[in-house]
Amino acid sequence: MALEITIYGKTKKAASGQTFMVYLSRLPMQDGTQLPVTVRFEEGVPKPKTTPCNIKIEKENTHLGSRKYKRADTDEEQLSWTLWVSAWSVGTEYVDHSMDGVAF
């Protein structure tokens, strides 16, 4: 069974000045919470052409990794999650509902 997730893209700039895209999403957990993740695509796997977009992933084509790091501003230890994707397919069309509650 496939899981459909929404992928958001954020452009960042390396110290060398080169720009690159970071992909972000949230995974629905069994306890009902949403786990924020960085999404990385294995070498040779195409990345989404536009973001935000919905993609479908299968459990056997993904891996969830974590790493501990210290925040520079607070020196507090944090846990960051990365979803590694080795195959995916296009999901339903992404529709932005963020402004639905605003009175125009």
PDB file of N, CA and C in Angstrom:
ATOM      1  N   MET A   1       0.840  -1.186   0.000  1.00  0.00           N
ATOM      2  CA  MET A   1       0.000   0.000   0.000  1.00  0.00           C
ATOM      3  C   MET A   1       0.883   1.247   0.000  1.00  0.00           C
ATOM      4  N   ALA A   2       0.552   2.184  -0.845  1.00  0.00           N
ATOM      5  CA  ALA A   2       1.345   3.405  -0.982  1.00  0.00           C
ATOM      6  C   ALA A   2       0.878   4.468   0.012  1.00  0.00           C
ATOM      7  N   LEU A   3       1.812   5.280   0.424  1.00  0.00           N
ATOM      8  CA  LEU A   3       1.544   6.433   1.284  1.00  0.00           C
ATOM      9  C   LEU A   3       1.767   7.671   0.428  1.00  0.00           C
ATOM     10  N   GLU A   4       0.797   8.582   0.415  1.00  0.00           N
ATOM     11  CA  GLU A   4       0.953   9.826  -0.328  1.00  0.00           C
ATOM     12  C   GLU A   4       1.371  10.931   0.636  1.00  0.00           C
ATOM     13  N   ILE A   5       2.456  11.609   0.304  1.00  0.00           N
ATOM     14  CA  ILE A   5       2.952  12.709   1.136  1.00  0.00           C
ATOM     15  C   ILE A   5       3.129  13.951   0.264  1.00  0.00           C
ATOM     16  N   THR A   6       3.072  15.105   0.898  1.00  0.00           N
ATOM     17  CA  THR A   6       3.302  16.366   0.203  1.00  0.00           C
ATOM     18  C   THR A   6       4.757  16.763   0.398  1.00  0.00           C
ATOM     19  N   ILE A   7       5.426  17.081  -0.702  1.00  0.00           N
ATOM     20  CA  ILE A   7       6.827  17.493  -0.685  1.00  0.00           C
ATOM     21  C   ILE A   7       6.889  19.003  -0.909  1.00  0.00           C
ATOM     22  N   TYR A   8       7.616  19.693  -0.044  1.00  0.00           N
ATOM     23  CA  TYR A   8       7.862  21.122  -0.179  1.00  0.00           C
ATOM     24  C   TYR A   8       9.341  21.310  -0.488  1.00  0.00           C
ATOM     25  N   GLY A   9       9.663  22.297  -1.294  1.00  0.00           N
ATOM     26  CA  GLY A   9      11.052  22.570  -1.635  1.00  0.00           C
ATOM     27  C   GLY A   9      11.495  23.903  -1.060  1.00  0.00           C
ATOM     28  N   LYS A  10      12.746  23.930  -0.623  1.00  0.00           N
ATOM     29  CA  LYS A  10      13.315  25.164  -0.088  1.00  0.00           C
ATOM     30  C   LYS A  10      14.704  25.329  -0.699  1.00  0.00           C
ATOM     31  N   THR A  11      14.939  26.464  -1.341  1.00  0.00           N
ATOM     32  CA  THR A  11      16.241  26.728  -1.943  1.00  0.00           C
ATOM     33  C   THR A  11      17.194  27.255  -0.876  1.00  0.00           C
ATOM     34  N   LYS A  12      18.373  26.656  -0.813  1.00  0.00           N
ATOM     35  CA  LYS A  12      19.400  27.099   0.131  1.00  0.00           C
ATOM     36  C   LYS A  12      20.671  27.421  -0.639  1.00  0.00           C
ATOM     37  N   LYS A  13      21.583  28.119   0.030  1.00  0.00           N
ATOM     38  CA  LYS A  13      22.846  28.492  -0.597  1.00  0.00           C
ATOM     39  C   LYS A  13      23.996  27.931   0.234  1.00  0.00           C
ATOM     40  N   ALA A  14      24.905  27.221  -0.428  1.00  0.00           N
ATOM     41  CA  ALA A  14      26.077  26.658   0.231  1.00  0.00           C
ATOM     42  C   ALA A  14      27.094  27.761   0.486  1.00  0.00           C
ATOM     43  N   ALA A  15      28.073  27.463   1.341  1.00  0.00           N
ATOM     44  CA  ALA A  15      29.125  28.433   1.641  1.00  0.00           C
ATOM     45  C   ALA A  15      29.881  28.833   0.373  1.00  0.00           C
ATOM     46  N   SER A  16      29.922  27.932  -0.593  1.00  0.00           N
ATOM     47  CA  SER A  16      30.610  28.209  -1.861  1.00  0.00           C
ATOM     48  C   SER A  16      29.808  29.148  -2.759  1.00  0.00           C
ATOM     49  N   GLY A  17      28.554  29.415  -2.388  1.00  0.00           N
ATOM     50  CA  GLY A  17      27.701  30.286  -3.181  1.00  0.00           C
ATOM     51  C   GLY A  17      26.747  29.535  -4.093  1.00  0.00           C
ATOM     52  N   GLN A  18      26.940  28.233  -4.208  1.00  0.00           N
ATOM     53  CA  GLN A  18      26.078  27.416  -5.059  1.00  0.00           C
ATOM     54  C   GLN A  18      24.730  27.191  -4.381  1.00  0.00           C
ATOM     55  N   THR A  19      23.637  27.296  -5.153  1.00  0.00           N
ATOM     56  CA  THR A  19      22.308  27.061  -4.596  1.00  0.00           C
ATOM     57  C   THR A  19      21.900  25.606  -4.814  1.00  0.00           C
ATOM     58  N   PHE A  20      21.085  25.099  -3.905  1.00  0.00           N
ATOM     59  CA  PHE A  20      20.592  23.736  -4.010  1.00  0.00           C
ATOM     60  C   PHE A  20      19.223  23.667  -3.351  1.00  0.00           C
ATOM     61  N   MET A  21      18.479  22.616  -3.673  1.00  0.00           N
ATOM     62  CA  MET A  21      17.123  22.445  -3.163  1.00  0.00           C
ATOM     63  C   MET A  21      17.118  21.444  -2.015  1.00  0.00           C
ATOM     64  N   VAL A  22      16.411  21.804  -0.944  1.00  0.00           N
ATOM     65  CA  VAL A  22      16.175  20.904   0.182  1.00  0.00           C
ATOM     66  C   VAL A  22      14.691  20.562   0.141  1.00  0.00           C
ATOM     67  N   TYR A  23      14.385  19.270   0.254  1.00  0.00           N
ATOM     68  CA  TYR A  23      12.991  18.813   0.206  1.00  0.00           C
ATOM     69  C   TYR A  23      12.525  18.463   1.610  1.00  0.00           C
ATOM     70  N   LEU A  24      11.333  18.929   1.977  1.00  0.00           N
ATOM     71  CA  LEU A  24      10.779  18.741   3.311  1.00  0.00           C
ATOM     72  C   LEU A  24       9.386  18.136   3.226  1.00  0.00           C
ATOM     73  N   SER A  25       9.001  17.396   4.258  1.00  0.00           N
ATOM     74  CA  SER A  25       7.662  16.829   4.319  1.00  0.00           C
ATOM     75  C   SER A  25       7.330  16.497   5.765  1.00  0.00           C
ATOM     76  N   ARG A  26       6.175  15.895   5.966  1.00  0.00           N
ATOM     77  CA  ARG A  26       5.740  15.397   7.278  1.00  0.00           C
ATOM     78  C   ARG A  26       5.185  14.002   7.066  1.00  0.00           C
ATOM     79  N   LEU A  27       5.600  13.088   7.933  1.00  0.00           N
ATOM     80  CA  LEU A  27       5.108  11.717   7.863  1.00  0.00           C
ATOM     81  C   LEU A  27       4.049  11.497   8.933  1.00  0.00           C
ATOM     82  N   PRO A  28       2.912  10.932   8.569  1.00  0.00           N
ATOM     83  CA  PRO A  28       1.897  10.617   9.577  1.00  0.00           C
ATOM     84  C   PRO A  28       2.345   9.397  10.389  1.00  0.00           C
ATOM     85  N   MET A  29       2.387   9.537  11.693  1.00  0.00           N
ATOM     86  CA  MET A  29       2.823   8.446  12.565  1.00  0.00           C
ATOM     87  C   MET A  29       1.599   7.682  13.082  1.00  0.00           C
ATOM     88  N   GLN A  30       1.834   6.473  13.581  1.00  0.00           N
ATOM     89  CA  GLN A  30       0.737   5.630  14.057  1.00  0.00           C
ATOM     90  C   GLN A  30      -0.003   6.240  15.242  1.00  0.00           C
ATOM     91  N   ASP A  31       0.690   7.088  16.022  1.00  0.00           N
ATOM     92  CA  ASP A  31       0.032   7.703  17.183  1.00  0.00           C
ATOM     93  C   ASP A  31      -0.751   8.971  16.808  1.00  0.00           C
ATOM     94  N   GLY A  32      -0.827   9.282  15.501  1.00  0.00           N
ATOM     95  CA  GLY A  32      -1.593  10.432  15.046  1.00  0.00           C
ATOM     96  C   GLY A  32      -0.783  11.710  14.888  1.00  0.00           C
ATOM     97  N   THR A  33       0.470  11.708  15.318  1.00  0.00           N
ATOM     98  CA  THR A  33       1.310  12.898  15.188  1.00  0.00           C
ATOM     99  C   THR A  33       1.909  12.963  13.785  1.00  0.00           C
ATOM    100  N   GLN A  34       2.492  14.100  13.463  1.00  0.00           N
ATOM    101  CA  GLN A  34       3.168  14.309  12.186  1.00  0.00           C
ATOM    102  C   GLN A  34       4.659  14.506  12.466  1.00  0.00           C
ATOM    103  N   LEU A  35       5.507  13.702  11.834  1.00  0.00           N
ATOM    104  CA  LEU A  35       6.953  13.783  12.026  1.00  0.00           C
ATOM    105  C   LEU A  35       7.565  14.617  10.902  1.00  0.00           C
ATOM    106  N   PRO A  36       8.144  15.798  11.215  1.00  0.00           N
ATOM    107  CA  PRO A  36       8.791  16.597  10.170  1.00  0.00           C
ATOM    108  C   PRO A  36      10.078  15.892   9.715  1.00  0.00           C
ATOM    109  N   VAL A  37      10.258  15.787   8.400  1.00  0.00           N
ATOM    110  CA  VAL A  37      11.430  15.099   7.846  1.00  0.00           C
ATOM    111  C   VAL A  37      12.030  15.903   6.699  1.00  0.00           C
ATOM    112  N   THR A  38      13.331  15.730   6.522  1.00  0.00           N
ATOM    113  CA  THR A  38      14.003  16.145   5.301  1.00  0.00           C
ATOM    114  C   THR A  38      13.920  14.958   4.371  1.00  0.00           C
ATOM    115  N   VAL A  39      13.573  15.186   3.120  1.00  0.00           N
ATOM    116  CA  VAL A  39      13.448  14.094   2.156  1.00  0.00           C
ATOM    117  C   VAL A  39      14.663  14.121   1.241  1.00  0.00           C
ATOM    118  N   ARG A  40      15.352  12.994   1.163  1.00  0.00           N
ATOM    119  CA  ARG A  40      16.508  12.852   0.277  1.00  0.00           C
ATOM    120  C   ARG A  40      16.210  11.749  -0.711  1.00  0.00           C
ATOM    121  N   PHE A  41      16.613  11.952  -1.952  1.00  0.00           N
ATOM    122  CA  PHE A  41      16.396  10.978  -3.000  1.00  0.00           C
ATOM    123  C   PHE A  41      17.716  10.284  -3.301  1.00  0.00           C
ATOM    124  N   GLU A  42      17.682   8.952  -3.329  1.00  0.00           N
ATOM    125  CA  GLU A  42      18.889   8.171  -3.596  1.00  0.00           C
ATOM    126  C   GLU A  42      19.485   8.591  -4.939  1.00  0.00           C
ATOM    127  N   GLU A  43      20.771   8.354  -5.111  1.00  0.00           N
ATOM    128  CA  GLU A  43      21.448   8.691  -6.356  1.00  0.00           C
ATOM    129  C   GLU A  43      20.761   7.991  -7.529  1.00  0.00           C
ATOM    130  N   GLY A  44      20.507   8.735  -8.584  1.00  0.00           N
ATOM    131  CA  GLY A  44      19.862   8.194  -9.765  1.00  0.00           C
ATOM    132  C   GLY A  44      18.341   8.272  -9.744  1.00  0.00           C
ATOM    133  N   VAL A  45      17.773   8.606  -8.597  1.00  0.00           N
ATOM    134  CA  VAL A  45      16.316   8.728  -8.492  1.00  0.00           C
ATOM    135  C   VAL A  45      15.934  10.165  -8.840  1.00  0.00           C
ATOM    136  N   PRO A  46      15.012  10.356  -9.789  1.00  0.00           N
ATOM    137  CA  PRO A  46      14.630  11.733 -10.152  1.00  0.00           C
ATOM    138  C   PRO A  46      13.972  12.456  -8.991  1.00  0.00           C
ATOM    139  N   LYS A  47      14.226  13.741  -8.941  1.00  0.00           N
ATOM    140  CA  LYS A  47      13.605  14.589  -7.920  1.00  0.00           C
ATOM    141  C   LYS A  47      12.354  15.239  -8.528  1.00  0.00           C
ATOM    142  N   PRO A  48      11.414  15.655  -7.691  1.00  0.00           N
ATOM    143  CA  PRO A  48      10.229  16.342  -8.225  1.00  0.00           C
ATOM    144  C   PRO A  48      10.635  17.579  -9.010  1.00  0.00           C
ATOM    145  N   LYS A  49       9.950  17.813 -10.124  1.00  0.00           N
ATOM    146  CA  LYS A  49      10.263  18.970 -10.974  1.00  0.00           C
ATOM    147  C   LYS A  49       9.748  20.268 -10.373  1.00  0.00           C
ATOM    148  N   THR A  50       8.606  20.205  -9.684  1.00  0.00           N
ATOM    149  CA  THR A  50       8.030  21.393  -9.050  1.00  0.00           C
ATOM    150  C   THR A  50       7.616  21.033  -7.628  1.00  0.00           C
ATOM    151  N   THR A  51       7.638  22.027  -6.768  1.00  0.00           N
ATOM    152  CA  THR A  51       7.156  21.842  -5.400  1.00  0.00           C
ATOM    153  C   THR A  51       6.283  23.034  -5.054  1.00  0.00           C
ATOM    154  N   PRO A  52       5.303  22.883  -4.187  1.00  0.00           N
ATOM    155  CA  PRO A  52       4.919  21.634  -3.533  1.00  0.00           C
ATOM    156  C   PRO A  52       4.239  20.674  -4.510  1.00  0.00           C
ATOM    157  N   CYS A  53       4.339  19.394  -4.168  1.00  0.00           N
ATOM    158  CA  CYS A  53       3.694  18.351  -4.968  1.00  0.00           C
ATOM    159  C   CYS A  53       3.415  17.149  -4.069  1.00  0.00           C
ATOM    160  N   ASN A  54       2.515  16.299  -4.517  1.00  0.00           N
ATOM    161  CA  ASN A  54       2.211  15.069  -3.791  1.00  0.00           C
ATOM    162  C   ASN A  54       2.894  13.906  -4.503  1.00  0.00           C
ATOM    163  N   ILE A  55       3.558  13.056  -3.717  1.00  0.00           N
ATOM    164  CA  ILE A  55       4.173  11.860  -4.280  1.00  0.00           C
ATOM    165  C   ILE A  55       3.702  10.647  -3.496  1.00  0.00           C
ATOM    166  N   LYS A  56       3.751   9.490  -4.152  1.00  0.00           N
ATOM    167  CA  LYS A  56       3.407   8.231  -3.500  1.00  0.00           C
ATOM    168  C   LYS A  56       4.687   7.452  -3.265  1.00  0.00           C
ATOM    169  N   ILE A  57       4.813   6.910  -2.042  1.00  0.00           N
ATOM    170  CA  ILE A  57       5.982   6.108  -1.704  1.00  0.00           C
ATOM    171  C   ILE A  57       5.518   4.778  -1.126  1.00  0.00           C
ATOM    172  N   GLU A  58       6.348   3.771  -1.298  1.00  0.00           N
ATOM    173  CA  GLU A  58       6.094   2.445  -0.740  1.00  0.00           C
ATOM    174  C   GLU A  58       7.094   2.200   0.379  1.00  0.00           C
ATOM    175  N   LYS A  59       6.691   1.464   1.387  1.00  0.00           N
ATOM    176  CA  LYS A  59       7.530   1.186   2.545  1.00  0.00           C
ATOM    177  C   LYS A  59       8.864   0.545   2.143  1.00  0.00           C
ATOM    178  N   GLU A  60       8.818  -0.377   1.163  1.00  0.00           N
ATOM    179  CA  GLU A  60      10.036  -1.089   0.774  1.00  0.00           C
ATOM    180  C   GLU A  60      11.001  -0.212  -0.036  1.00  0.00           C
ATOM    181  N   ASN A  61      10.563   0.972  -0.473  1.00  0.00           N
ATOM    182  CA  ASN A  61      11.419   1.876  -1.236  1.00  0.00           C
ATOM    183  C   ASN A  61      11.853   3.098  -0.439  1.00  0.00           C
ATOM    184  N   THR A  62      11.718   3.018   0.888  1.00  0.00           N
ATOM    185  CA  THR A  62      12.091   4.144   1.739  1.00  0.00           C
ATOM    186  C   THR A  62      12.851   3.657   2.963  1.00  0.00           C
ATOM    187  N   HIS A  63      13.546   4.586   3.578  1.00  0.00           N
ATOM    188  CA  HIS A  63      14.256   4.317   4.817  1.00  0.00           C
ATOM    189  C   HIS A  63      14.245   5.603   5.641  1.00  0.00           C
ATOM    190  N   LEU A  64      13.960   5.490   6.931  1.00  0.00           N
ATOM    191  CA  LEU A  64      13.912   6.644   7.818  1.00  0.00           C
ATOM    192  C   LEU A  64      15.131   6.623   8.724  1.00  0.00           C
ATOM    193  N   GLY A  65      15.951   7.646   8.606  1.00  0.00           N
ATOM    194  CA  GLY A  65      17.159   7.750   9.424  1.00  0.00           C
ATOM    195  C   GLY A  65      17.089   8.961  10.329  1.00  0.00           C
ATOM    196  N   SER A  66      17.885   8.932  11.384  1.00  0.00           N
ATOM    197  CA  SER A  66      17.921  10.063  12.313  1.00  0.00           C
ATOM    198  C   SER A  66      19.358  10.390  12.676  1.00  0.00           C
ATOM    199  N   ARG A  67      19.564  11.611  13.130  1.00  0.00           N
ATOM    200  CA  ARG A  67      20.882  12.009  13.627  1.00  0.00           C
ATOM    201  C   ARG A  67      20.694  13.055  14.716  1.00  0.00           C
ATOM    202  N   LYS A  68      21.585  13.015  15.669  1.00  0.00           N
ATOM    203  CA  LYS A  68      21.567  13.993  16.752  1.00  0.00           C
ATOM    204  C   LYS A  68      22.501  15.135  16.391  1.00  0.00           C
ATOM    205  N   TYR A  69      22.108  16.343  16.783  1.00  0.00           N
ATOM    206  CA  TYR A  69      22.958  17.514  16.584  1.00  0.00           C
ATOM    207  C   TYR A  69      22.681  18.511  17.689  1.00  0.00           C
ATOM    208  N   LYS A  70      23.604  19.454  17.872  1.00  0.00           N
ATOM    209  CA  LYS A  70      23.418  20.509  18.868  1.00  0.00           C
ATOM    210  C   LYS A  70      23.097  21.805  18.152  1.00  0.00           C
ATOM    211  N   ARG A  71      22.043  22.470  18.625  1.00  0.00           N
ATOM    212  CA  ARG A  71      21.688  23.770  18.070  1.00  0.00           C
ATOM    213  C   ARG A  71      22.769  24.771  18.429  1.00  0.00           C
ATOM    214  N   ALA A  72      23.189  25.553  17.469  1.00  0.00           N
ATOM    215  CA  ALA A  72      24.253  26.526  17.699  1.00  0.00           C
ATOM    216  C   ALA A  72      23.813  27.643  18.638  1.00  0.00           C
ATOM    217  N   ASP A  73      22.537  28.033  18.569  1.00  0.00           N
ATOM    218  CA  ASP A  73      22.078  29.173  19.372  1.00  0.00           C
ATOM    219  C   ASP A  73      21.775  28.813  20.822  1.00  0.00           C
ATOM    220  N   THR A  74      21.373  27.564  21.099  1.00  0.00           N
ATOM    221  CA  THR A  74      21.008  27.186  22.469  1.00  0.00           C
ATOM    222  C   THR A  74      21.882  26.073  23.038  1.00  0.00           C
ATOM    223  N   ASP A  75      22.699  25.454  22.197  1.00  0.00           N
ATOM    224  CA  ASP A  75      23.546  24.321  22.585  1.00  0.00           C
ATOM    225  C   ASP A  75      22.708  23.121  23.044  1.00  0.00           C
ATOM    226  N   GLU A  76      21.435  23.126  22.681  1.00  0.00           N
ATOM    227  CA  GLU A  76      20.511  22.051  23.041  1.00  0.00           C
ATOM    228  C   GLU A  76      20.629  20.917  22.026  1.00  0.00           C
ATOM    229  N   GLU A  77      20.612  19.671  22.516  1.00  0.00           N
ATOM    230  CA  GLU A  77      20.681  18.527  21.612  1.00  0.00           C
ATOM    231  C   GLU A  77      19.324  18.287  20.967  1.00  0.00           C
ATOM    232  N   GLN A  78      19.318  18.094  19.657  1.00  0.00           N
ATOM    233  CA  GLN A  78      18.106  17.891  18.877  1.00  0.00           C
ATOM    234  C   GLN A  78      18.228  16.601  18.067  1.00  0.00           C
ATOM    235  N   LEU A  79      17.107  16.137  17.558  1.00  0.00           N
ATOM    236  CA  LEU A  79      17.068  14.955  16.706  1.00  0.00           C
ATOM    237  C   LEU A  79      16.450  15.364  15.380  1.00  0.00           C
ATOM    238  N   SER A  80      17.147  15.066  14.293  1.00  0.00           N
ATOM    239  CA  SER A  80      16.647  15.396  12.962  1.00  0.00           C
ATOM    240  C   SER A  80      16.398  14.098  12.207  1.00  0.00           C
ATOM    241  N   TRP A  81      15.306  14.072  11.419  1.00  0.00           N
ATOM    242  CA  TRP A  81      14.895  12.867  10.702  1.00  0.00           C
ATOM    243  C   TRP A  81      15.038  13.078   9.202  1.00  0.00           C
ATOM    244  N   THR A  82      15.536  12.042   8.509  1.00  0.00           N
ATOM    245  CA  THR A  82      15.671  12.068   7.059  1.00  0.00           C
ATOM    246  C   THR A  82      14.962  10.866   6.464  1.00  0.00           C
ATOM    247  N   LEU A  83      14.087  11.131   5.504  1.00  0.00           N
ATOM    248  CA  LEU A  83      13.411  10.079   4.761  1.00  0.00           C
ATOM    249  C   LEU A  83      14.167   9.879   3.460  1.00  0.00           C
ATOM    250  N   TRP A  84      14.796   8.706   3.292  1.00  0.00           N
ATOM    251  CA  TRP A  84      15.517   8.360   2.074  1.00  0.00           C
ATOM    252  C   TRP A  84      14.560   7.636   1.143  1.00  0.00           C
ATOM    253  N   VAL A  85      14.456   8.104  -0.090  1.00  0.00           N
ATOM    254  CA  VAL A  85      13.522   7.543  -1.067  1.00  0.00           C
ATOM    255  C   VAL A  85      14.308   6.963  -2.243  1.00  0.00           C
ATOM    256  N   SER A  86      14.052   5.679  -2.550  1.00  0.00           N
ATOM    257  CA  SER A  86      14.722   5.042  -3.691  1.00  0.00           C
ATOM    258  C   SER A  86      13.796   4.887  -4.889  1.00  0.00           C
ATOM    259  N   ALA A  87      12.490   5.068  -4.711  1.00  0.00           N
ATOM    260  CA  ALA A  87      11.517   5.043  -5.811  1.00  0.00           C
ATOM    261  C   ALA A  87      10.256   5.743  -5.343  1.00  0.00           C
ATOM    262  N   TRP A  88       9.602   6.444  -6.265  1.00  0.00           N
ATOM    263  CA  TRP A  88       8.356   7.128  -5.958  1.00  0.00           C
ATOM    264  C   TRP A  88       7.560   7.298  -7.245  1.00  0.00           C
ATOM    265  N   SER A  89       6.291   7.624  -7.091  1.00  0.00           N
ATOM    266  CA  SER A  89       5.441   7.905  -8.246  1.00  0.00           C
ATOM    267  C   SER A  89       4.656   9.182  -7.965  1.00  0.00           C
ATOM    268  N   VAL A  90       4.129   9.758  -9.014  1.00  0.00           N
ATOM    269  CA  VAL A  90       3.370  11.008  -8.907  1.00  0.00           C
ATOM    270  C   VAL A  90       2.058  10.735  -8.187  1.00  0.00           C
ATOM    271  N   GLY A  91       1.722  11.591  -7.228  1.00  0.00           N
ATOM    272  CA  GLY A  91       0.462  11.470  -6.496  1.00  0.00           C
ATOM    273  C   GLY A  91      -0.607  12.360  -7.110  1.00  0.00           C
ATOM    274  N   THR A  92      -1.643  12.614  -6.335  1.00  0.00           N
ATOM    275  CA  THR A  92      -2.717  13.488  -6.800  1.00  0.00           C
ATOM    276  C   THR A  92      -2.196  14.918  -6.939  1.00  0.00           C
ATOM    277  N   GLU A  93      -2.896  15.705  -7.719  1.00  0.00           N
ATOM    278  CA  GLU A  93      -2.483  17.086  -7.926  1.00  0.00           C
ATOM    279  C   GLU A  93      -2.506  17.843  -6.605  1.00  0.00           C
ATOM    280  N   TYR A  94      -1.462  18.633  -6.336  1.00  0.00           N
ATOM    281  CA  TYR A  94      -1.402  19.439  -5.119  1.00  0.00           C
ATOM    282  C   TYR A  94      -2.314  20.651  -5.283  1.00  0.00           C
ATOM    283  N   VAL A  95      -3.179  20.884  -4.300  1.00  0.00           N
ATOM    284  CA  VAL A  95      -4.057  22.055  -4.279  1.00  0.00           C
ATOM    285  C   VAL A  95      -3.772  22.819  -2.996  1.00  0.00           C
ATOM    286  N   ASP A  96      -3.445  24.090  -3.140  1.00  0.00           N
ATOM    287  CA  ASP A  96      -3.113  24.933  -1.989  1.00  0.00           C
ATOM    288  C   ASP A  96      -4.402  25.451  -1.346  1.00  0.00           C
ATOM    289  N   HIS A  97      -4.634  25.051  -0.100  1.00  0.00           N
ATOM    290  CA  HIS A  97      -5.828  25.487   0.633  1.00  0.00           C
ATOM    291  C   HIS A  97      -5.481  26.492   1.741  1.00  0.00           C
ATOM    292  N   SER A  98      -4.259  27.006   1.732  1.00  0.00           N
ATOM    293  CA  SER A  98      -3.808  27.859   2.836  1.00  0.00           C
ATOM    294  C   SER A  98      -4.614  29.163   2.969  1.00  0.00           C
ATOM    295  N   MET A  99      -5.224  29.631   1.902  1.00  0.00           N
ATOM    296  CA  MET A  99      -5.960  30.898   1.959  1.00  0.00           C
ATOM    297  C   MET A  99      -7.465  30.693   1.952  1.00  0.00           C
ATOM    298  N   ASP A 100      -7.929  29.450   2.112  1.00  0.00           N
ATOM    299  CA  ASP A 100      -9.366  29.180   2.044  1.00  0.00           C
ATOM    300  C   ASP A 100     -10.164  29.903   3.130  1.00  0.00           C
ATOM    301  N   GLY A 101      -9.592  30.109   4.302  1.00  0.00           N
ATOM    302  CA  GLY A 101     -10.316  30.740   5.403  1.00  0.00           C
ATOM    303  C   GLY A 101     -10.231  32.258   5.422  1.00  0.00           C
ATOM    304  N   VAL A 102      -9.561  32.846   4.438  1.00  0.00           N
ATOM    305  CA  VAL A 102      -9.391  34.297   4.396  1.00  0.00           C
ATOM    306  C   VAL A 102     -10.535  34.928   3.611  1.00  0.00           C
ATOM    307  N   ALA A 103     -11.107  35.991   4.175  1.00  0.00           N
ATOM    308  CA  ALA A 103     -12.208  36.696   3.491  1.00  0.00           C
ATOM    309  C   ALA A 103     -11.630  37.731   2.538  1.00  0.00           C
ATOM    310  N   PHE A 104     -11.893  37.558   1.266  1.00  0.00           N
ATOM    311  CA  PHE A 104     -11.442  38.512   0.251  1.00  0.00           C
ATOM    312  C   PHE A 104     -12.596  39.379  -0.182  1.00  0.00           C
TER     313      PHE A 104
END
